């Protein structure tokens, strides 16, 4: 039977995506229609980090370490490092960003097509 968790500090609107950290199973990332992406420790039942977009967030995923990638109705692809607090807008689309996936080879954002966002180009 799957575990069930009730968040102590849930979002103020509908949850759009939930994902557990691939190496730290107690860490849960939640994106929401309230514009937030929040990090929760489900064992301690506490929010351990949060950042916002300009509009509703439709999807999020973990990158390397404590990096989060997210996109939504503000049409941006954002990378946030929860360890350092660094926040970067990697790029934007003509329409909403509906889905995110991370790969060590590249990260893909699905909309009506797949786009690759290269971290080396975004950071320069």
N, C-alpha and C. Protein backbone atom coordinates (compact mmCIF):
# COMPACT_ATOMS: atom_id res chain seq x y z
N UNK A 1 0.84 -1.18 0.00
CA UNK A 1 0.00 0.00 0.00
C UNK A 1 0.89 1.25 0.00
N UNK A 2 0.55 2.23 -0.80
CA UNK A 2 1.32 3.46 -0.91
C UNK A 2 1.13 4.33 0.32
N UNK A 3 2.18 5.07 0.66
CA UNK A 3 2.09 6.01 1.78
C UNK A 3 1.27 7.22 1.39
N UNK A 4 0.63 7.82 2.37
CA UNK A 4 -0.16 9.02 2.15
C UNK A 4 0.36 10.10 3.07
N UNK A 5 0.52 11.32 2.53
CA UNK A 5 1.05 12.43 3.30
C UNK A 5 0.10 13.61 3.22
N UNK A 6 -0.12 14.25 4.35
CA UNK A 6 -0.88 15.50 4.39
C UNK A 6 0.10 16.61 4.70
N UNK A 7 0.16 17.61 3.83
CA UNK A 7 1.13 18.68 3.98
C UNK A 7 0.69 19.65 5.07
N UNK A 8 1.64 20.01 5.93
CA UNK A 8 1.38 20.96 7.00
C UNK A 8 1.10 22.35 6.43
N UNK A 9 1.85 22.76 5.41
CA UNK A 9 1.66 24.05 4.76
C UNK A 9 1.32 23.81 3.28
N UNK A 10 0.08 23.40 2.99
CA UNK A 10 -0.27 23.11 1.60
C UNK A 10 -0.40 24.40 0.78
N UNK A 11 -0.39 24.30 -0.55
CA UNK A 11 -0.59 25.47 -1.39
C UNK A 11 -1.99 26.05 -1.17
N UNK A 12 -2.16 27.29 -1.62
CA UNK A 12 -3.45 27.99 -1.48
C UNK A 12 -4.42 27.69 -2.60
N UNK A 13 -3.99 26.92 -3.59
CA UNK A 13 -4.83 26.57 -4.73
C UNK A 13 -4.53 25.12 -5.11
N UNK A 14 -5.08 24.67 -6.21
CA UNK A 14 -4.93 23.28 -6.63
C UNK A 14 -3.47 22.91 -6.89
N UNK A 15 -3.11 21.69 -6.51
CA UNK A 15 -1.77 21.15 -6.78
C UNK A 15 -1.74 20.66 -8.22
N UNK A 16 -0.70 21.06 -8.96
CA UNK A 16 -0.58 20.66 -10.36
C UNK A 16 0.39 19.51 -10.56
N UNK A 17 1.36 19.37 -9.65
CA UNK A 17 2.36 18.31 -9.80
C UNK A 17 3.00 18.00 -8.46
N UNK A 18 3.32 16.73 -8.24
CA UNK A 18 4.10 16.30 -7.07
C UNK A 18 5.18 15.35 -7.55
N UNK A 19 6.37 15.48 -6.96
CA UNK A 19 7.47 14.59 -7.34
C UNK A 19 8.41 14.44 -6.15
N UNK A 20 8.80 13.20 -5.87
CA UNK A 20 9.77 12.92 -4.82
C UNK A 20 11.18 13.06 -5.37
N UNK A 21 12.09 13.52 -4.53
CA UNK A 21 13.49 13.65 -4.91
C UNK A 21 14.03 12.25 -5.23
N UNK A 22 14.79 12.09 -6.31
CA UNK A 22 15.27 10.76 -6.69
C UNK A 22 16.25 10.13 -5.70
N UNK A 23 16.99 10.92 -4.92
CA UNK A 23 17.97 10.37 -3.98
C UNK A 23 17.58 10.58 -2.52
N UNK A 24 16.61 11.43 -2.26
CA UNK A 24 16.17 11.72 -0.89
C UNK A 24 14.66 11.51 -0.81
N UNK A 25 14.21 10.30 -0.51
CA UNK A 25 12.79 9.96 -0.56
C UNK A 25 11.90 10.73 0.41
N UNK A 26 12.49 11.41 1.38
CA UNK A 26 11.69 12.21 2.31
C UNK A 26 11.37 13.60 1.76
N UNK A 27 11.98 13.97 0.63
CA UNK A 27 11.81 15.31 0.06
C UNK A 27 10.81 15.26 -1.08
N UNK A 28 9.76 16.05 -0.96
CA UNK A 28 8.67 16.12 -1.93
C UNK A 28 8.58 17.53 -2.48
N UNK A 29 8.51 17.67 -3.80
CA UNK A 29 8.31 18.97 -4.43
C UNK A 29 6.88 19.04 -4.95
N UNK A 30 6.24 20.18 -4.72
CA UNK A 30 4.84 20.38 -5.09
C UNK A 30 4.71 21.68 -5.86
N UNK A 31 4.13 21.62 -7.06
CA UNK A 31 3.81 22.85 -7.80
C UNK A 31 2.31 23.07 -7.74
N UNK A 32 1.92 24.35 -7.91
CA UNK A 32 0.52 24.68 -7.69
C UNK A 32 0.03 25.82 -8.59
N UNK A 33 -1.27 25.87 -8.71
CA UNK A 33 -1.95 26.95 -9.42
C UNK A 33 -1.81 28.27 -8.65
N UNK A 34 -1.34 28.26 -7.41
CA UNK A 34 -1.16 29.51 -6.65
C UNK A 34 0.16 30.20 -6.99
N UNK A 35 0.88 29.76 -8.01
CA UNK A 35 2.15 30.28 -8.55
C UNK A 35 3.38 29.73 -7.83
N UNK A 36 3.22 28.83 -6.87
CA UNK A 36 4.36 28.39 -6.06
C UNK A 36 4.89 27.02 -6.46
N UNK A 37 6.17 26.83 -6.13
CA UNK A 37 6.82 25.53 -6.14
C UNK A 37 7.44 25.40 -4.74
N UNK A 38 7.00 24.41 -3.99
CA UNK A 38 7.46 24.26 -2.60
C UNK A 38 8.11 22.91 -2.38
N UNK A 39 9.07 22.90 -1.49
CA UNK A 39 9.79 21.70 -1.11
C UNK A 39 9.37 21.33 0.30
N UNK A 40 9.03 20.06 0.50
CA UNK A 40 8.55 19.58 1.80
C UNK A 40 9.37 18.39 2.27
N UNK A 41 9.63 18.36 3.56
CA UNK A 41 10.19 17.17 4.21
C UNK A 41 8.98 16.43 4.77
N UNK A 42 8.62 15.29 4.17
CA UNK A 42 7.40 14.58 4.59
C UNK A 42 7.57 13.83 5.90
N UNK A 43 8.82 13.54 6.29
CA UNK A 43 9.06 12.88 7.58
C UNK A 43 8.85 13.87 8.72
N UNK A 44 9.42 15.08 8.57
CA UNK A 44 9.28 16.13 9.58
C UNK A 44 7.99 16.93 9.43
N UNK A 45 7.28 16.72 8.30
CA UNK A 45 6.05 17.43 7.97
C UNK A 45 6.26 18.94 8.05
N UNK A 46 7.25 19.41 7.27
CA UNK A 46 7.49 20.85 7.22
C UNK A 46 7.92 21.28 5.83
N UNK A 47 7.61 22.52 5.50
CA UNK A 47 8.04 23.10 4.25
C UNK A 47 9.49 23.57 4.44
N UNK A 48 10.37 23.18 3.51
CA UNK A 48 11.78 23.52 3.67
C UNK A 48 12.28 24.47 2.58
N UNK A 49 11.43 24.87 1.67
CA UNK A 49 11.81 25.83 0.64
C UNK A 49 10.63 26.16 -0.25
N UNK A 50 10.70 27.33 -0.89
CA UNK A 50 9.60 27.75 -1.76
C UNK A 50 10.07 28.87 -2.68
N UNK A 51 9.57 28.87 -3.91
CA UNK A 51 9.77 29.99 -4.83
C UNK A 51 8.52 30.13 -5.68
N UNK A 52 8.42 31.25 -6.40
CA UNK A 52 7.20 31.54 -7.14
C UNK A 52 7.49 31.92 -8.59
N UNK A 53 6.50 31.68 -9.41
CA UNK A 53 6.44 32.16 -10.79
C UNK A 53 5.51 33.37 -10.81
N UNK A 54 5.35 33.97 -11.98
CA UNK A 54 4.44 35.10 -12.15
C UNK A 54 2.99 34.65 -12.35
N UNK A 55 2.80 33.37 -12.67
CA UNK A 55 1.45 32.81 -12.90
C UNK A 55 1.47 31.34 -12.44
N UNK A 56 0.36 30.67 -12.58
CA UNK A 56 0.22 29.28 -12.13
C UNK A 56 1.32 28.39 -12.70
N UNK A 57 1.81 27.47 -11.85
CA UNK A 57 2.85 26.52 -12.25
C UNK A 57 2.17 25.20 -12.61
N UNK A 58 2.46 24.67 -13.79
CA UNK A 58 1.80 23.46 -14.25
C UNK A 58 2.61 22.18 -14.02
N UNK A 59 3.95 22.30 -13.95
CA UNK A 59 4.75 21.10 -13.74
C UNK A 59 6.11 21.48 -13.15
N UNK A 60 6.73 20.50 -12.51
CA UNK A 60 8.06 20.68 -11.94
C UNK A 60 8.78 19.35 -11.95
N UNK A 61 10.11 19.40 -11.87
CA UNK A 61 10.91 18.19 -11.77
C UNK A 61 12.23 18.54 -11.09
N UNK A 62 12.88 17.53 -10.55
CA UNK A 62 14.19 17.71 -9.95
C UNK A 62 15.25 17.59 -11.03
N UNK A 63 16.33 18.35 -10.85
CA UNK A 63 17.52 18.22 -11.68
C UNK A 63 18.59 17.54 -10.85
N UNK A 64 19.79 18.05 -10.92
CA UNK A 64 20.89 17.52 -10.12
C UNK A 64 20.89 18.16 -8.74
N UNK A 65 21.27 17.39 -7.73
CA UNK A 65 21.30 17.92 -6.37
C UNK A 65 19.93 18.40 -5.92
N UNK A 66 19.88 19.67 -5.49
CA UNK A 66 18.61 20.25 -5.04
C UNK A 66 18.05 21.24 -6.05
N UNK A 67 18.40 21.07 -7.34
CA UNK A 67 17.88 21.92 -8.40
C UNK A 67 16.45 21.52 -8.73
N UNK A 68 15.61 22.53 -8.93
CA UNK A 68 14.23 22.31 -9.37
C UNK A 68 14.05 23.02 -10.71
N UNK A 69 13.29 22.40 -11.58
CA UNK A 69 12.92 23.01 -12.86
C UNK A 69 11.40 23.10 -12.89
N UNK A 70 10.88 24.21 -13.40
CA UNK A 70 9.43 24.39 -13.40
C UNK A 70 9.00 25.27 -14.56
N UNK A 71 7.73 25.14 -14.90
CA UNK A 71 7.15 25.94 -15.96
C UNK A 71 5.65 26.01 -15.79
N UNK A 72 5.04 26.99 -16.44
CA UNK A 72 3.60 27.12 -16.29
C UNK A 72 3.00 28.18 -17.18
N UNK A 73 1.95 28.80 -16.66
CA UNK A 73 1.18 29.76 -17.44
C UNK A 73 1.89 31.08 -17.68
N UNK A 74 3.00 31.34 -16.97
CA UNK A 74 3.77 32.56 -17.24
C UNK A 74 4.69 32.36 -18.45
N UNK A 75 4.65 31.16 -19.04
CA UNK A 75 5.36 30.82 -20.28
C UNK A 75 6.88 30.76 -20.11
N UNK A 76 7.36 30.66 -18.87
CA UNK A 76 8.79 30.60 -18.64
C UNK A 76 9.22 29.22 -18.16
N UNK A 77 10.48 28.91 -18.43
CA UNK A 77 11.14 27.72 -17.89
C UNK A 77 12.13 28.25 -16.86
N UNK A 78 11.99 27.81 -15.63
CA UNK A 78 12.77 28.34 -14.52
C UNK A 78 13.56 27.23 -13.85
N UNK A 79 14.80 27.57 -13.43
CA UNK A 79 15.62 26.67 -12.62
C UNK A 79 15.84 27.35 -11.29
N UNK A 80 15.56 26.64 -10.21
CA UNK A 80 15.78 27.17 -8.86
C UNK A 80 16.62 26.16 -8.10
N UNK A 81 17.70 26.64 -7.49
CA UNK A 81 18.55 25.77 -6.67
C UNK A 81 18.16 26.00 -5.22
N UNK A 82 17.48 25.03 -4.61
CA UNK A 82 17.05 25.16 -3.23
C UNK A 82 18.22 25.23 -2.26
N UNK A 83 19.37 24.68 -2.63
CA UNK A 83 20.54 24.70 -1.75
C UNK A 83 21.14 26.11 -1.65
N UNK A 84 21.20 26.82 -2.76
CA UNK A 84 21.83 28.15 -2.78
C UNK A 84 20.84 29.30 -2.84
N UNK A 85 19.60 29.02 -3.25
CA UNK A 85 18.62 30.08 -3.44
C UNK A 85 18.69 30.73 -4.81
N UNK A 86 19.63 30.28 -5.65
CA UNK A 86 19.80 30.85 -6.99
C UNK A 86 18.58 30.52 -7.85
N UNK A 87 18.08 31.53 -8.56
CA UNK A 87 16.89 31.39 -9.38
C UNK A 87 17.18 31.97 -10.77
N UNK A 88 16.98 31.16 -11.81
CA UNK A 88 17.30 31.58 -13.18
C UNK A 88 16.11 31.29 -14.09
N UNK A 89 15.71 32.27 -14.89
CA UNK A 89 14.75 32.01 -15.96
C UNK A 89 15.57 31.55 -17.16
N UNK A 90 15.39 30.29 -17.55
CA UNK A 90 16.17 29.70 -18.63
C UNK A 90 15.69 30.14 -20.00
N UNK A 91 14.41 30.42 -20.12
CA UNK A 91 13.85 30.81 -21.40
C UNK A 91 12.35 30.95 -21.30
N UNK A 92 11.76 31.23 -22.45
CA UNK A 92 10.30 31.39 -22.46
C UNK A 92 9.73 30.81 -23.75
N UNK A 93 8.42 30.62 -23.72
CA UNK A 93 7.67 30.05 -24.84
C UNK A 93 6.60 31.04 -25.28
N UNK A 94 5.97 30.73 -26.40
CA UNK A 94 4.84 31.53 -26.87
C UNK A 94 3.56 31.16 -26.15
N UNK A 95 3.56 30.03 -25.47
CA UNK A 95 2.37 29.54 -24.77
C UNK A 95 2.82 28.89 -23.45
N UNK A 96 1.87 28.41 -22.69
CA UNK A 96 2.16 27.81 -21.39
C UNK A 96 3.10 26.61 -21.50
N UNK A 97 3.88 26.40 -20.45
CA UNK A 97 4.75 25.23 -20.34
C UNK A 97 3.98 24.20 -19.54
N UNK A 98 3.64 23.07 -20.17
CA UNK A 98 2.76 22.08 -19.56
C UNK A 98 3.48 20.95 -18.84
N UNK A 99 4.66 20.56 -19.33
CA UNK A 99 5.33 19.40 -18.75
C UNK A 99 6.84 19.61 -18.75
N UNK A 100 7.49 19.03 -17.74
CA UNK A 100 8.94 19.15 -17.57
C UNK A 100 9.53 17.75 -17.40
N UNK A 101 10.75 17.58 -17.87
CA UNK A 101 11.51 16.36 -17.61
C UNK A 101 12.97 16.74 -17.59
N UNK A 102 13.74 16.09 -16.73
CA UNK A 102 15.17 16.37 -16.63
C UNK A 102 15.96 15.14 -17.04
N UNK A 103 17.04 15.38 -17.76
CA UNK A 103 17.96 14.32 -18.16
C UNK A 103 19.37 14.86 -18.00
N UNK A 104 20.31 14.02 -17.64
CA UNK A 104 21.69 14.48 -17.57
C UNK A 104 22.23 14.79 -18.96
N UNK A 105 21.59 14.27 -20.01
CA UNK A 105 21.99 14.58 -21.37
C UNK A 105 21.42 15.94 -21.79
N UNK A 106 20.18 16.21 -21.41
CA UNK A 106 19.52 17.49 -21.68
C UNK A 106 18.22 17.54 -20.88
N UNK A 107 17.61 18.68 -20.82
CA UNK A 107 16.30 18.77 -20.19
C UNK A 107 15.30 19.19 -21.24
N UNK A 108 14.16 18.55 -21.24
CA UNK A 108 13.14 18.79 -22.27
C UNK A 108 11.90 19.41 -21.67
N UNK A 109 11.36 20.34 -22.40
CA UNK A 109 10.09 20.95 -22.03
C UNK A 109 9.12 20.64 -23.15
N UNK A 110 8.00 20.00 -22.79
CA UNK A 110 7.02 19.63 -23.80
C UNK A 110 5.91 20.66 -23.83
N UNK A 111 5.58 21.09 -24.98
CA UNK A 111 4.48 22.01 -25.20
C UNK A 111 3.80 21.42 -26.43
N UNK A 112 3.83 22.13 -27.52
CA UNK A 112 3.39 21.57 -28.79
C UNK A 112 4.58 20.91 -29.47
N UNK A 113 5.75 21.11 -28.90
CA UNK A 113 6.98 20.51 -29.40
C UNK A 113 7.92 20.34 -28.21
N UNK A 114 9.02 19.67 -28.43
CA UNK A 114 10.03 19.54 -27.37
C UNK A 114 11.13 20.57 -27.63
N UNK A 115 11.52 21.27 -26.59
CA UNK A 115 12.64 22.22 -26.68
C UNK A 115 13.71 21.78 -25.70
N UNK A 116 14.95 21.93 -26.08
CA UNK A 116 16.07 21.64 -25.19
C UNK A 116 16.60 22.94 -24.63
N UNK A 117 16.80 22.97 -23.33
CA UNK A 117 17.37 24.15 -22.68
C UNK A 117 18.75 23.75 -22.19
N UNK A 118 19.78 24.37 -22.71
CA UNK A 118 21.13 24.07 -22.33
C UNK A 118 21.54 24.98 -21.16
N UNK A 119 21.90 24.38 -20.04
CA UNK A 119 22.25 25.16 -18.86
C UNK A 119 23.48 26.03 -19.10
N UNK A 120 24.42 25.59 -19.90
CA UNK A 120 25.62 26.37 -20.18
C UNK A 120 25.29 27.68 -20.88
N UNK A 121 24.36 27.65 -21.80
CA UNK A 121 23.96 28.87 -22.52
C UNK A 121 23.13 29.77 -21.64
N UNK A 122 22.28 29.20 -20.78
CA UNK A 122 21.40 30.01 -19.93
C UNK A 122 22.19 30.76 -18.88
N UNK A 123 23.26 30.17 -18.37
CA UNK A 123 24.02 30.78 -17.29
C UNK A 123 24.95 31.89 -17.78
N UNK A 124 25.21 31.94 -19.09
CA UNK A 124 26.15 32.94 -19.59
C UNK A 124 25.47 34.25 -19.90
